[in-house]
């Protein structure tokens, strides 16, 4: 237990111990709090002064326990726990600083339920800390997310209605393996029966779902995060193939998993995958790789890379009119 916990925090830890282990002795309580037995008794006194009935009994079977019928809040936070929770919420959902936001309203209820001293610090943090929203994050519908998680837990096959970034819509029978949060976006990692392969769907693009009577067994060695990273670069509309003269060990640090699979090729290596947006692939990913490469496929990625090269050439040309460029849009997975 950290030595710098406040008396209030230790008293709350004492309360948690009484809830979890009725009949705990002063010595056991002291060991859990990291204090002397005398100090442990003092924290019991703090709880009693706060109106929490703590009973004690002497003898070999004695100890401290909460009085019969004691009603306590369902959750008791220490100050570091409460502040950490507020920080995590604001980090993941900057809009929660506004009490009218869905998550912000829930956070307000949590803060109101905290002990006065802890709640005051949490409210101050929430009021005076500012968070910049991530333009790439996407908040899915909570009901849809909950239904997906329930299907994952029940190992129940789903029929998912999906709309892609380009507006195409389809339905797919899938075995939902896991829900994964990655860089502010929520994904369903699943096995598609139509494709006969692993697929990743953005949860915010799922338009509807329904449970079926079929169940499934996920892979026994499934690592959801690793599987998602590996498969983000597969199954998209436009194929990609990029060849590097450098060895894989030199190239790998610059390759994000959604870019595809990196494999040795002669004295260099090749990156193969697919993308839904060749322009983004060229401008945001390939342009950041500080190594020589050749884009061998597909034709869409070659065209996007050529357009990017033309833009860069125009930026240093004496006569920009000699290097016309076209406006492009940027997207991400």
C-alpha atoms as a PDB file:
ATOM      1  CA  UNK A   1       0.000   0.000   0.000  1.00  0.00           C
ATOM      2  CA  UNK A   2       1.411   3.447  -0.922  1.00  0.00           C
ATOM      3  CA  UNK A   3       2.738   5.283   2.107  1.00  0.00           C
ATOM      4  CA  UNK A   4       1.377   8.660   0.969  1.00  0.00           C
ATOM      5  CA  UNK A   5      -2.335   7.816   1.098  1.00  0.00           C
ATOM      6  CA  UNK A   6      -4.415  10.386   2.940  1.00  0.00           C
ATOM      7  CA  UNK A   7      -6.327   9.476   6.139  1.00  0.00           C
ATOM      8  CA  UNK A   8      -9.571   9.621   4.145  1.00  0.00           C
ATOM      9  CA  UNK A   9      -8.189   7.207   1.572  1.00  0.00           C
ATOM     10  CA  UNK A  10      -7.060   4.771   4.262  1.00  0.00           C
ATOM     11  CA  UNK A  11     -10.440   4.998   5.986  1.00  0.00           C
ATOM     12  CA  UNK A  12     -12.139   4.109   2.691  1.00  0.00           C
ATOM     13  CA  UNK A  13      -9.747   1.177   2.276  1.00  0.00           C
ATOM     14  CA  UNK A  14     -10.666   0.084   5.795  1.00  0.00           C
ATOM     15  CA  UNK A  15     -14.349   0.269   4.818  1.00  0.00           C
ATOM     16  CA  UNK A  16     -13.711  -1.847   1.731  1.00  0.00           C
ATOM     17  CA  UNK A  17     -11.932  -4.424   3.897  1.00  0.00           C
ATOM     18  CA  UNK A  18     -14.857  -4.568   6.349  1.00  0.00           C
ATOM     19  CA  UNK A  19     -17.248  -5.120   3.451  1.00  0.00           C
ATOM     20  CA  UNK A  20     -15.122  -7.881   1.942  1.00  0.00           C
ATOM     21  CA  UNK A  21     -13.964  -9.595   5.169  1.00  0.00           C
ATOM     22  CA  UNK A  22     -16.420  -9.298   8.055  1.00  0.00           C
ATOM     23  CA  UNK A  23     -14.709 -10.160  11.330  1.00  0.00           C
ATOM     24  CA  UNK A  24     -11.284  -8.839  10.267  1.00  0.00           C
ATOM     25  CA  UNK A  25      -8.979  -8.306  13.245  1.00  0.00           C
ATOM     26  CA  UNK A  26      -7.064  -5.134  14.048  1.00  0.00           C
ATOM     27  CA  UNK A  27      -3.834  -6.872  13.087  1.00  0.00           C
ATOM     28  CA  UNK A  28      -5.192  -8.037   9.730  1.00  0.00           C
ATOM     29  CA  UNK A  29      -6.633  -4.614   9.033  1.00  0.00           C
ATOM     30  CA  UNK A  30      -3.330  -2.963   9.931  1.00  0.00           C
ATOM     31  CA  UNK A  31      -1.463  -5.276   7.548  1.00  0.00           C
ATOM     32  CA  UNK A  32      -3.843  -4.450   4.713  1.00  0.00           C
ATOM     33  CA  UNK A  33      -3.542  -0.711   5.338  1.00  0.00           C
ATOM     34  CA  UNK A  34       0.206  -0.792   5.899  1.00  0.00           C
ATOM     35  CA  UNK A  35      -0.053   0.856   9.317  1.00  0.00           C
ATOM     36  CA  UNK A  36       0.211  -0.075  12.978  1.00  0.00           C
ATOM     37  CA  UNK A  37      -2.679  -1.682  14.859  1.00  0.00           C
ATOM     38  CA  UNK A  38      -3.139   1.552  16.789  1.00  0.00           C
ATOM     39  CA  UNK A  39      -3.517   3.469  13.514  1.00  0.00           C
ATOM     40  CA  UNK A  40      -5.930   0.836  12.191  1.00  0.00           C
ATOM     41  CA  UNK A  41      -8.151   1.374  15.250  1.00  0.00           C
ATOM     42  CA  UNK A  42      -7.999   5.106  14.572  1.00  0.00           C
ATOM     43  CA  UNK A  43      -9.382   4.569  11.076  1.00  0.00           C
ATOM     44  CA  UNK A  44     -12.190   2.487  12.551  1.00  0.00           C
ATOM     45  CA  UNK A  45     -12.896   5.519  14.740  1.00  0.00           C
ATOM     46  CA  UNK A  46     -13.007   7.767  11.666  1.00  0.00           C
ATOM     47  CA  UNK A  47     -15.625   5.492  10.100  1.00  0.00           C
ATOM     48  CA  UNK A  48     -17.722   5.558  13.267  1.00  0.00           C
ATOM     49  CA  UNK A  49     -17.492   9.367  13.411  1.00  0.00           C
ATOM     50  CA  UNK A  50     -18.785   9.429   9.842  1.00  0.00           C
ATOM     51  CA  UNK A  51     -21.911   7.583  10.993  1.00  0.00           C
ATOM     52  CA  UNK A  52     -20.950   4.123   9.749  1.00  0.00           C
ATOM     53  CA  UNK A  53     -21.804   1.531  12.422  1.00  0.00           C
ATOM     54  CA  UNK A  54     -18.730  -0.643  12.946  1.00  0.00           C
ATOM     55  CA  UNK A  55     -19.180  -3.366  15.574  1.00  0.00           C
ATOM     56  CA  UNK A  56     -16.341  -5.089  17.385  1.00  0.00           C
ATOM     57  CA  UNK A  57     -16.141  -8.341  19.300  1.00  0.00           C
ATOM     58  CA  UNK A  58     -13.391  -9.663  21.570  1.00  0.00           C
ATOM     59  CA  UNK A  59     -12.079 -13.194  21.786  1.00  0.00           C
ATOM     60  CA  UNK A  60     -10.545 -15.728  19.377  1.00  0.00           C
ATOM     61  CA  UNK A  61     -13.418 -15.271  16.932  1.00  0.00           C
ATOM     62  CA  UNK A  62     -13.725 -11.537  17.397  1.00  0.00           C
ATOM     63  CA  UNK A  63     -12.925  -8.696  15.068  1.00  0.00           C
ATOM     64  CA  UNK A  64     -14.590  -5.790  13.292  1.00  0.00           C
ATOM     65  CA  UNK A  65     -17.682  -6.009  11.160  1.00  0.00           C
ATOM     66  CA  UNK A  66     -20.282  -3.624   9.815  1.00  0.00           C
ATOM     67  CA  UNK A  67     -23.516  -3.403  11.802  1.00  0.00           C
ATOM     68  CA  UNK A  68     -26.486  -5.446  10.635  1.00  0.00           C
ATOM     69  CA  UNK A  69     -28.587  -3.637   8.049  1.00  0.00           C
ATOM     70  CA  UNK A  70     -25.873  -1.089   7.253  1.00  0.00           C
ATOM     71  CA  UNK A  71     -26.619   0.704   3.993  1.00  0.00           C
ATOM     72  CA  UNK A  72     -23.565   1.903   2.088  1.00  0.00           C
ATOM     73  CA  UNK A  73     -23.008   3.408  -1.342  1.00  0.00           C
ATOM     74  CA  UNK A  74     -22.325   0.634  -3.874  1.00  0.00           C
ATOM     75  CA  UNK A  75     -18.858   2.029  -4.632  1.00  0.00           C
ATOM     76  CA  UNK A  76     -16.393   3.922  -2.457  1.00  0.00           C
ATOM     77  CA  UNK A  77     -13.508   5.676  -4.184  1.00  0.00           C
ATOM     78  CA  UNK A  78     -10.270   6.922  -2.712  1.00  0.00           C
ATOM     79  CA  UNK A  79      -9.108  10.334  -3.899  1.00  0.00           C
ATOM     80  CA  UNK A  80      -6.468   8.914  -6.300  1.00  0.00           C
ATOM     81  CA  UNK A  81      -9.040   6.467  -7.702  1.00  0.00           C
ATOM     82  CA  UNK A  82     -11.627   9.208  -8.217  1.00  0.00           C
ATOM     83  CA  UNK A  83      -9.167  11.585  -9.870  1.00  0.00           C
ATOM     84  CA  UNK A  84      -7.811   8.772 -12.049  1.00  0.00           C
ATOM     85  CA  UNK A  85     -11.349   7.947 -13.160  1.00  0.00           C
ATOM     86  CA  UNK A  86     -12.109  11.566 -14.110  1.00  0.00           C
ATOM     87  CA  UNK A  87      -8.803  11.820 -15.996  1.00  0.00           C
ATOM     88  CA  UNK A  88      -9.482   8.599 -17.908  1.00  0.00           C
ATOM     89  CA  UNK A  89     -12.991   9.734 -18.849  1.00  0.00           C
ATOM     90  CA  UNK A  90     -11.808  13.137 -20.097  1.00  0.00           C
ATOM     91  CA  UNK A  91      -8.931  11.504 -21.971  1.00  0.00           C
ATOM     92  CA  UNK A  92     -11.236   9.084 -23.762  1.00  0.00           C
ATOM     93  CA  UNK A  93     -14.267  11.382 -24.076  1.00  0.00           C
ATOM     94  CA  UNK A  94     -13.329  15.076 -23.981  1.00  0.00           C
ATOM     95  CA  UNK A  95     -16.993  16.031 -24.369  1.00  0.00           C
ATOM     96  CA  UNK A  96     -17.603  14.595 -20.877  1.00  0.00           C
ATOM     97  CA  UNK A  97     -16.470  17.953 -19.502  1.00  0.00           C
ATOM     98  CA  UNK A  98     -19.992  19.070 -20.455  1.00  0.00           C
ATOM     99  CA  UNK A  99     -22.657  17.797 -18.050  1.00  0.00           C
ATOM    100  CA  UNK A 100     -25.150  17.603 -20.958  1.00  0.00           C
ATOM    101  CA  UNK A 101     -23.028  14.978 -22.706  1.00  0.00           C
ATOM    102  CA  UNK A 102     -24.190  11.375 -22.198  1.00  0.00           C
ATOM    103  CA  UNK A 103     -20.930  10.319 -20.532  1.00  0.00           C
ATOM    104  CA  UNK A 104     -20.668  13.729 -18.869  1.00  0.00           C
ATOM    105  CA  UNK A 105     -24.039  13.225 -17.201  1.00  0.00           C
ATOM    106  CA  UNK A 106     -22.931   9.828 -15.882  1.00  0.00           C
ATOM    107  CA  UNK A 107     -19.692  11.345 -14.602  1.00  0.00           C
ATOM    108  CA  UNK A 108     -21.681  14.024 -12.767  1.00  0.00           C
ATOM    109  CA  UNK A 109     -23.645  11.329 -10.925  1.00  0.00           C
ATOM    110  CA  UNK A 110     -20.438   9.564  -9.911  1.00  0.00           C
ATOM    111  CA  UNK A 111     -18.934  12.801  -8.604  1.00  0.00           C
ATOM    112  CA  UNK A 112     -22.081  13.614  -6.610  1.00  0.00           C
ATOM    113  CA  UNK A 113     -21.947  10.190  -4.970  1.00  0.00           C
ATOM    114  CA  UNK A 114     -18.376  10.663  -3.759  1.00  0.00           C
ATOM    115  CA  UNK A 115     -17.504  11.722  -0.203  1.00  0.00           C
ATOM    116  CA  UNK A 116     -17.429  15.521   0.018  1.00  0.00           C
ATOM    117  CA  UNK A 117     -13.655  15.964   0.171  1.00  0.00           C
ATOM    118  CA  UNK A 118     -12.990  13.502  -2.651  1.00  0.00           C
ATOM    119  CA  UNK A 119     -15.885  14.787  -4.749  1.00  0.00           C
ATOM    120  CA  UNK A 120     -14.679  18.365  -4.410  1.00  0.00           C
ATOM    121  CA  UNK A 121     -11.285  17.470  -5.883  1.00  0.00           C
ATOM    122  CA  UNK A 122     -12.854  15.403  -8.675  1.00  0.00           C
ATOM    123  CA  UNK A 123     -15.286  18.198  -9.566  1.00  0.00           C
ATOM    124  CA  UNK A 124     -12.459  20.750  -9.651  1.00  0.00           C
ATOM    125  CA  UNK A 125     -10.423  18.528 -11.961  1.00  0.00           C
ATOM    126  CA  UNK A 126     -13.381  18.052 -14.269  1.00  0.00           C
ATOM    127  CA  UNK A 127     -14.151  21.794 -14.327  1.00  0.00           C
ATOM    128  CA  UNK A 128     -10.661  23.153 -14.892  1.00  0.00           C
ATOM    129  CA  UNK A 129      -9.023  20.468 -17.047  1.00  0.00           C
ATOM    130  CA  UNK A 130      -9.471  20.803 -20.795  1.00  0.00           C
ATOM    131  CA  UNK A 131      -9.177  18.002 -23.338  1.00  0.00           C
ATOM    132  CA  UNK A 132      -8.753  18.344 -27.081  1.00  0.00           C
ATOM    133  CA  UNK A 133     -11.026  15.981 -29.019  1.00  0.00           C
ATOM    134  CA  UNK A 134      -9.402  13.398 -31.271  1.00  0.00           C
ATOM    135  CA  UNK A 135     -10.728  14.080 -34.800  1.00  0.00           C
ATOM    136  CA  UNK A 136     -10.245  10.413 -35.685  1.00  0.00           C
ATOM    137  CA  UNK A 137     -12.160   8.953 -32.771  1.00  0.00           C
ATOM    138  CA  UNK A 138     -15.662   7.642 -33.337  1.00  0.00           C
ATOM    139  CA  UNK A 139     -18.237   6.961 -30.627  1.00  0.00           C
ATOM    140  CA  UNK A 140     -20.498   4.020 -31.438  1.00  0.00           C
ATOM    141  CA  UNK A 141     -24.043   3.684 -30.193  1.00  0.00           C
ATOM    142  CA  UNK A 142     -23.894   2.326 -26.591  1.00  0.00           C
ATOM    143  CA  UNK A 143     -26.859  -0.003 -27.190  1.00  0.00           C
ATOM    144  CA  UNK A 144     -25.214  -1.517 -30.273  1.00  0.00           C
ATOM    145  CA  UNK A 145     -21.921  -1.920 -28.438  1.00  0.00           C
ATOM    146  CA  UNK A 146     -23.656  -3.571 -25.485  1.00  0.00           C
ATOM    147  CA  UNK A 147     -25.492  -5.998 -27.794  1.00  0.00           C
ATOM    148  CA  UNK A 148     -22.202  -6.926 -29.477  1.00  0.00           C
ATOM    149  CA  UNK A 149     -20.472  -7.524 -26.141  1.00  0.00           C
ATOM    150  CA  UNK A 150     -23.394  -9.684 -24.999  1.00  0.00           C
ATOM    151  CA  UNK A 151     -23.131 -11.781 -28.173  1.00  0.00           C
ATOM    152  CA  UNK A 152     -19.374 -12.148 -27.641  1.00  0.00           C
ATOM    153  CA  UNK A 153     -19.971 -13.320 -24.067  1.00  0.00           C
ATOM    154  CA  UNK A 154     -22.746 -15.717 -25.115  1.00  0.00           C
ATOM    155  CA  UNK A 155     -20.811 -16.913 -28.183  1.00  0.00           C
ATOM    156  CA  UNK A 156     -23.861 -16.269 -30.309  1.00  0.00           C
ATOM    157  CA  UNK A 157     -23.699 -15.805 -34.082  1.00  0.00           C
ATOM    158  CA  UNK A 158     -25.033 -12.504 -35.438  1.00  0.00           C
ATOM    159  CA  UNK A 159     -26.388 -11.085 -38.657  1.00  0.00           C
ATOM    160  CA  UNK A 160     -24.786  -7.657 -38.960  1.00  0.00           C
ATOM    161  CA  UNK A 161     -26.023  -4.862 -41.239  1.00  0.00           C
ATOM    162  CA  UNK A 162     -23.048  -2.701 -42.205  1.00  0.00           C
ATOM    163  CA  UNK A 163     -22.411   0.510 -44.145  1.00  0.00           C
ATOM    164  CA  UNK A 164     -18.903   1.103 -45.450  1.00  0.00           C
ATOM    165  CA  UNK A 165     -17.102   4.445 -45.646  1.00  0.00           C
ATOM    166  CA  UNK A 166     -18.077   4.703 -49.322  1.00  0.00           C
ATOM    167  CA  UNK A 167     -21.766   4.144 -48.521  1.00  0.00           C
ATOM    168  CA  UNK A 168     -22.070   0.508 -49.632  1.00  0.00           C
ATOM    169  CA  UNK A 169     -24.377  -1.552 -47.449  1.00  0.00           C
ATOM    170  CA  UNK A 170     -24.578  -5.292 -46.864  1.00  0.00           C
ATOM    171  CA  UNK A 171     -25.457  -7.941 -44.308  1.00  0.00           C
ATOM    172  CA  UNK A 172     -23.086 -10.622 -43.068  1.00  0.00           C
ATOM    173  CA  UNK A 173     -23.381 -13.689 -40.831  1.00  0.00           C
ATOM    174  CA  UNK A 174     -20.516 -13.388 -38.352  1.00  0.00           C
ATOM    175  CA  UNK A 175     -19.161 -15.078 -35.257  1.00  0.00           C
ATOM    176  CA  UNK A 176     -18.336 -12.131 -32.955  1.00  0.00           C
ATOM    177  CA  UNK A 177     -15.004 -12.957 -31.333  1.00  0.00           C
ATOM    178  CA  UNK A 178     -14.240  -9.696 -29.525  1.00  0.00           C
ATOM    179  CA  UNK A 179     -14.875  -5.969 -29.311  1.00  0.00           C
ATOM    180  CA  UNK A 180     -11.583  -4.050 -29.444  1.00  0.00           C
ATOM    181  CA  UNK A 181     -10.897  -0.355 -28.823  1.00  0.00           C
ATOM    182  CA  UNK A 182      -8.019   1.006 -30.894  1.00  0.00           C
ATOM    183  CA  UNK A 183      -6.932   4.660 -31.032  1.00  0.00           C
ATOM    184  CA  UNK A 184     -10.358   6.005 -30.124  1.00  0.00           C
ATOM    185  CA  UNK A 185     -12.266   3.679 -32.440  1.00  0.00           C
ATOM    186  CA  UNK A 186     -14.295   0.590 -31.608  1.00  0.00           C
ATOM    187  CA  UNK A 187     -14.041  -2.520 -33.758  1.00  0.00           C
ATOM    188  CA  UNK A 188     -15.810  -5.853 -33.954  1.00  0.00           C
ATOM    189  CA  UNK A 189     -13.327  -8.651 -34.588  1.00  0.00           C
ATOM    190  CA  UNK A 190     -15.233 -11.545 -36.104  1.00  0.00           C
ATOM    191  CA  UNK A 191     -15.257 -14.488 -38.482  1.00  0.00           C
ATOM    192  CA  UNK A 192     -17.370 -13.802 -41.567  1.00  0.00           C
ATOM    193  CA  UNK A 193     -19.124 -16.873 -42.919  1.00  0.00           C
ATOM    194  CA  UNK A 194     -19.731 -15.220 -46.295  1.00  0.00           C
ATOM    195  CA  UNK A 195     -16.051 -14.380 -46.773  1.00  0.00           C
ATOM    196  CA  UNK A 196     -14.784 -17.444 -44.918  1.00  0.00           C
ATOM    197  CA  UNK A 197     -12.200 -15.233 -43.227  1.00  0.00           C
ATOM    198  CA  UNK A 198     -11.517 -12.932 -40.289  1.00  0.00           C
ATOM    199  CA  UNK A 199     -13.052  -9.486 -40.680  1.00  0.00           C
ATOM    200  CA  UNK A 200     -12.932  -6.246 -38.703  1.00  0.00           C
ATOM    201  CA  UNK A 201     -15.949  -3.929 -38.662  1.00  0.00           C
ATOM    202  CA  UNK A 202     -16.119  -0.426 -37.246  1.00  0.00           C
ATOM    203  CA  UNK A 203     -18.843  -0.553 -34.584  1.00  0.00           C
ATOM    204  CA  UNK A 204     -20.034   2.983 -35.398  1.00  0.00           C
ATOM    205  CA  UNK A 205     -20.786   1.806 -38.961  1.00  0.00           C
ATOM    206  CA  UNK A 206     -22.961  -1.116 -37.883  1.00  0.00           C
ATOM    207  CA  UNK A 207     -26.538  -0.110 -38.758  1.00  0.00           C
ATOM    208  CA  UNK A 208     -28.267  -3.038 -37.101  1.00  0.00           C
ATOM    209  CA  UNK A 209     -27.819  -6.568 -35.835  1.00  0.00           C
ATOM    210  CA  UNK A 210     -29.839  -9.574 -34.821  1.00  0.00           C
ATOM    211  CA  UNK A 211     -28.949 -12.694 -32.891  1.00  0.00           C
ATOM    212  CA  UNK A 212     -29.327 -16.133 -34.406  1.00  0.00           C
ATOM    213  CA  UNK A 213     -29.844 -19.540 -32.827  1.00  0.00           C
ATOM    214  CA  UNK A 214     -26.314 -20.634 -33.715  1.00  0.00           C
ATOM    215  CA  UNK A 215     -23.388 -20.671 -31.315  1.00  0.00           C
ATOM    216  CA  UNK A 216     -19.648 -20.820 -31.967  1.00  0.00           C
ATOM    217  CA  UNK A 217     -16.305 -21.430 -30.303  1.00  0.00           C
ATOM    218  CA  UNK A 218     -13.622 -18.740 -30.732  1.00  0.00           C
ATOM    219  CA  UNK A 219      -9.998 -19.777 -31.335  1.00  0.00           C
ATOM    220  CA  UNK A 220      -8.473 -21.014 -28.099  1.00  0.00           C
ATOM    221  CA  UNK A 221      -5.321 -18.929 -28.512  1.00  0.00           C
ATOM    222  CA  UNK A 222      -7.116 -15.764 -29.613  1.00  0.00           C
ATOM    223  CA  UNK A 223      -5.320 -12.480 -28.828  1.00  0.00           C
ATOM    224  CA  UNK A 224      -7.997  -9.929 -29.860  1.00  0.00           C
ATOM    225  CA  UNK A 225      -5.696  -6.913 -30.079  1.00  0.00           C
ATOM    226  CA  UNK A 226      -3.013  -8.742 -32.066  1.00  0.00           C
ATOM    227  CA  UNK A 227      -5.608 -10.312 -34.372  1.00  0.00           C
ATOM    228  CA  UNK A 228      -7.225  -6.942 -35.000  1.00  0.00           C
ATOM    229  CA  UNK A 229      -3.893  -5.296 -35.802  1.00  0.00           C
ATOM    230  CA  UNK A 230      -2.984  -8.099 -38.181  1.00  0.00           C
ATOM    231  CA  UNK A 231      -6.306  -8.035 -40.026  1.00  0.00           C
ATOM    232  CA  UNK A 232      -6.947  -4.308 -40.317  1.00  0.00           C
ATOM    233  CA  UNK A 233      -4.861  -4.347 -43.486  1.00  0.00           C
ATOM    234  CA  UNK A 234      -6.745  -7.198 -45.175  1.00  0.00           C
ATOM    235  CA  UNK A 235     -10.102  -7.604 -46.852  1.00  0.00           C
ATOM    236  CA  UNK A 236     -10.399  -4.060 -48.252  1.00  0.00           C
ATOM    237  CA  UNK A 237     -11.376  -3.082 -51.791  1.00  0.00           C
ATOM    238  CA  UNK A 238      -8.021  -1.928 -53.194  1.00  0.00           C
ATOM    239  CA  UNK A 239      -4.958  -4.234 -53.072  1.00  0.00           C
ATOM    240  CA  UNK A 240      -1.563  -2.800 -52.135  1.00  0.00           C
ATOM    241  CA  UNK A 241       1.992  -3.984 -52.791  1.00  0.00           C
ATOM    242  CA  UNK A 242       5.059  -1.955 -51.820  1.00  0.00           C
ATOM    243  CA  UNK A 243       8.649  -3.203 -52.251  1.00  0.00           C
ATOM    244  CA  UNK A 244      11.569  -1.977 -50.128  1.00  0.00           C
ATOM    245  CA  UNK A 245      15.260  -2.510 -50.844  1.00  0.00           C
ATOM    246  CA  UNK A 246      16.016  -2.414 -47.098  1.00  0.00           C
ATOM    247  CA  UNK A 247      15.758  -5.574 -44.935  1.00  0.00           C
ATOM    248  CA  UNK A 248      12.582  -6.210 -42.886  1.00  0.00           C
ATOM    249  CA  UNK A 249      14.264  -5.314 -39.577  1.00  0.00           C
ATOM    250  CA  UNK A 250      14.993  -1.822 -40.901  1.00  0.00           C
ATOM    251  CA  UNK A 251      11.569  -1.295 -42.449  1.00  0.00           C
ATOM    252  CA  UNK A 252       9.356  -2.824 -39.714  1.00  0.00           C
ATOM    253  CA  UNK A 253       9.562   0.100 -37.216  1.00  0.00           C
ATOM    254  CA  UNK A 254       7.908   2.356 -39.810  1.00  0.00           C
ATOM    255  CA  UNK A 255       5.063   0.007 -40.738  1.00  0.00           C
ATOM    256  CA  UNK A 256       1.701   0.180 -39.005  1.00  0.00           C
ATOM    257  CA  UNK A 257      -0.183  -3.140 -38.870  1.00  0.00           C
ATOM    258  CA  UNK A 258      -3.122  -1.879 -41.007  1.00  0.00           C
ATOM    259  CA  UNK A 259      -0.670  -1.251 -43.857  1.00  0.00           C
ATOM    260  CA  UNK A 260      -0.408  -4.984 -44.477  1.00  0.00           C
ATOM    261  CA  UNK A 261       1.966  -7.880 -43.947  1.00  0.00           C
ATOM    262  CA  UNK A 262       5.726  -7.330 -44.234  1.00  0.00           C
ATOM    263  CA  UNK A 263       7.713 -10.299 -45.598  1.00  0.00           C
ATOM    264  CA  UNK A 264      11.312 -10.851 -46.809  1.00  0.00           C
ATOM    265  CA  UNK A 265      11.934 -10.539 -50.543  1.00  0.00           C
ATOM    266  CA  UNK A 266      15.477 -11.193 -51.723  1.00  0.00           C
ATOM    267  CA  UNK A 267      17.744  -8.748 -49.926  1.00  0.00           C
ATOM    268  CA  UNK A 268      14.795  -6.465 -49.167  1.00  0.00           C
ATOM    269  CA  UNK A 269      11.146  -6.992 -48.249  1.00  0.00           C
ATOM    270  CA  UNK A 270       7.615  -6.563 -49.563  1.00  0.00           C
ATOM    271  CA  UNK A 271       4.535  -5.098 -47.898  1.00  0.00           C
ATOM    272  CA  UNK A 272       1.249  -6.571 -49.148  1.00  0.00           C
ATOM    273  CA  UNK A 273      -2.229  -5.705 -47.972  1.00  0.00           C
ATOM    274  CA  UNK A 274      -5.302  -3.744 -48.985  1.00  0.00           C
ATOM    275  CA  UNK A 275      -6.989  -0.434 -48.236  1.00  0.00           C
ATOM    276  CA  UNK A 276     -10.326   1.277 -48.577  1.00  0.00           C
ATOM    277  CA  UNK A 277      -8.633   4.599 -49.356  1.00  0.00           C
ATOM    278  CA  UNK A 278      -5.467   4.631 -51.511  1.00  0.00           C
ATOM    279  CA  UNK A 279      -5.101   8.427 -51.110  1.00  0.00           C
ATOM    280  CA  UNK A 280      -4.897   8.139 -47.346  1.00  0.00           C
ATOM    281  CA  UNK A 281      -2.533   5.154 -47.624  1.00  0.00           C
ATOM    282  CA  UNK A 282      -0.110   7.156 -49.760  1.00  0.00           C
ATOM    283  CA  UNK A 283      -0.368  10.533 -48.020  1.00  0.00           C
ATOM    284  CA  UNK A 284      -0.550   9.526 -44.367  1.00  0.00           C
ATOM    285  CA  UNK A 285       1.343   6.231 -44.282  1.00  0.00           C
ATOM    286  CA  UNK A 286       3.800   5.788 -47.128  1.00  0.00           C
ATOM    287  CA  UNK A 287       4.881   9.440 -47.039  1.00  0.00           C
ATOM    288  CA  UNK A 288       6.070   8.931 -43.443  1.00  0.00           C
ATOM    289  CA  UNK A 289       8.419   6.054 -44.291  1.00  0.00           C
ATOM    290  CA  UNK A 290      11.987   7.488 -44.582  1.00  0.00           C
ATOM    291  CA  UNK A 291      13.187   4.671 -46.826  1.00  0.00           C
ATOM    292  CA  UNK A 292      13.246   4.104 -50.563  1.00  0.00           C
ATOM    293  CA  UNK A 293      10.343   2.043 -51.897  1.00  0.00           C
ATOM    294  CA  UNK A 294       8.503   1.137 -55.106  1.00  0.00           C
ATOM    295  CA  UNK A 295       4.736   0.923 -55.318  1.00  0.00           C
ATOM    296  CA  UNK A 296       4.073  -2.081 -57.545  1.00  0.00           C
ATOM    297  CA  UNK A 297       0.328  -2.368 -56.927  1.00  0.00           C
ATOM    298  CA  UNK A 298      -2.455  -1.946 -57.096  1.00  0.00           C
ATOM    299  CA  UNK A 299      -3.218   0.643 -59.756  1.00  0.00           C
ATOM    300  CA  UNK A 300      -5.222   2.821 -57.350  1.00  0.00           C
ATOM    301  CA  UNK A 301      -2.341   3.103 -54.886  1.00  0.00           C
ATOM    302  CA  UNK A 302       0.107   3.777 -57.728  1.00  0.00           C
ATOM    303  CA  UNK A 303      -2.125   6.618 -58.959  1.00  0.00           C
ATOM    304  CA  UNK A 304      -2.469   8.071 -55.453  1.00  0.00           C
ATOM    305  CA  UNK A 305       1.298   7.920 -54.933  1.00  0.00           C
ATOM    306  CA  UNK A 306       1.925   9.578 -58.307  1.00  0.00           C
ATOM    307  CA  UNK A 307      -0.492  12.394 -57.377  1.00  0.00           C
ATOM    308  CA  UNK A 308       1.307  12.868 -54.086  1.00  0.00           C
ATOM    309  CA  UNK A 309       4.699  12.956 -55.820  1.00  0.00           C
ATOM    310  CA  UNK A 310       3.344  15.569 -58.231  1.00  0.00           C
ATOM    311  CA  UNK A 311       2.184  17.729 -55.353  1.00  0.00           C
ATOM    312  CA  UNK A 312       5.588  17.555 -53.671  1.00  0.00           C
ATOM    313  CA  UNK A 313       7.339  18.328 -56.946  1.00  0.00           C
ATOM    314  CA  UNK A 314       5.094  21.352 -57.452  1.00  0.00           C
ATOM    315  CA  UNK A 315       5.977  22.580 -53.974  1.00  0.00           C
ATOM    316  CA  UNK A 316       9.620  23.104 -54.977  1.00  0.00           C
ATOM    317  CA  UNK A 317       9.173  23.858 -58.677  1.00  0.00           C
ATOM    318  CA  UNK A 318      10.028  27.280 -60.120  1.00  0.00           C
ATOM    319  CA  UNK A 319       6.823  27.135 -62.155  1.00  0.00           C
ATOM    320  CA  UNK A 320       4.063  25.413 -60.126  1.00  0.00           C
ATOM    321  CA  UNK A 321       1.770  25.514 -63.167  1.00  0.00           C
ATOM    322  CA  UNK A 322       3.957  22.807 -64.733  1.00  0.00           C
ATOM    323  CA  UNK A 323       2.860  20.373 -62.001  1.00  0.00           C
ATOM    324  CA  UNK A 324      -0.946  20.486 -61.721  1.00  0.00           C
ATOM    325  CA  UNK A 325      -2.478  18.696 -58.780  1.00  0.00           C
ATOM    326  CA  UNK A 326      -5.962  17.581 -57.878  1.00  0.00           C
ATOM    327  CA  UNK A 327      -7.671  18.116 -54.512  1.00  0.00           C
ATOM    328  CA  UNK A 328      -7.885  15.007 -52.407  1.00  0.00           C
ATOM    329  CA  UNK A 329      -9.714  13.898 -49.284  1.00  0.00           C
ATOM    330  CA  UNK A 330      -8.144  12.137 -46.294  1.00  0.00           C
ATOM    331  CA  UNK A 331      -9.728   9.302 -44.408  1.00  0.00           C
ATOM    332  CA  UNK A 332      -8.595   6.565 -42.094  1.00  0.00           C
ATOM    333  CA  UNK A 333      -9.674   3.057 -41.264  1.00  0.00           C
END
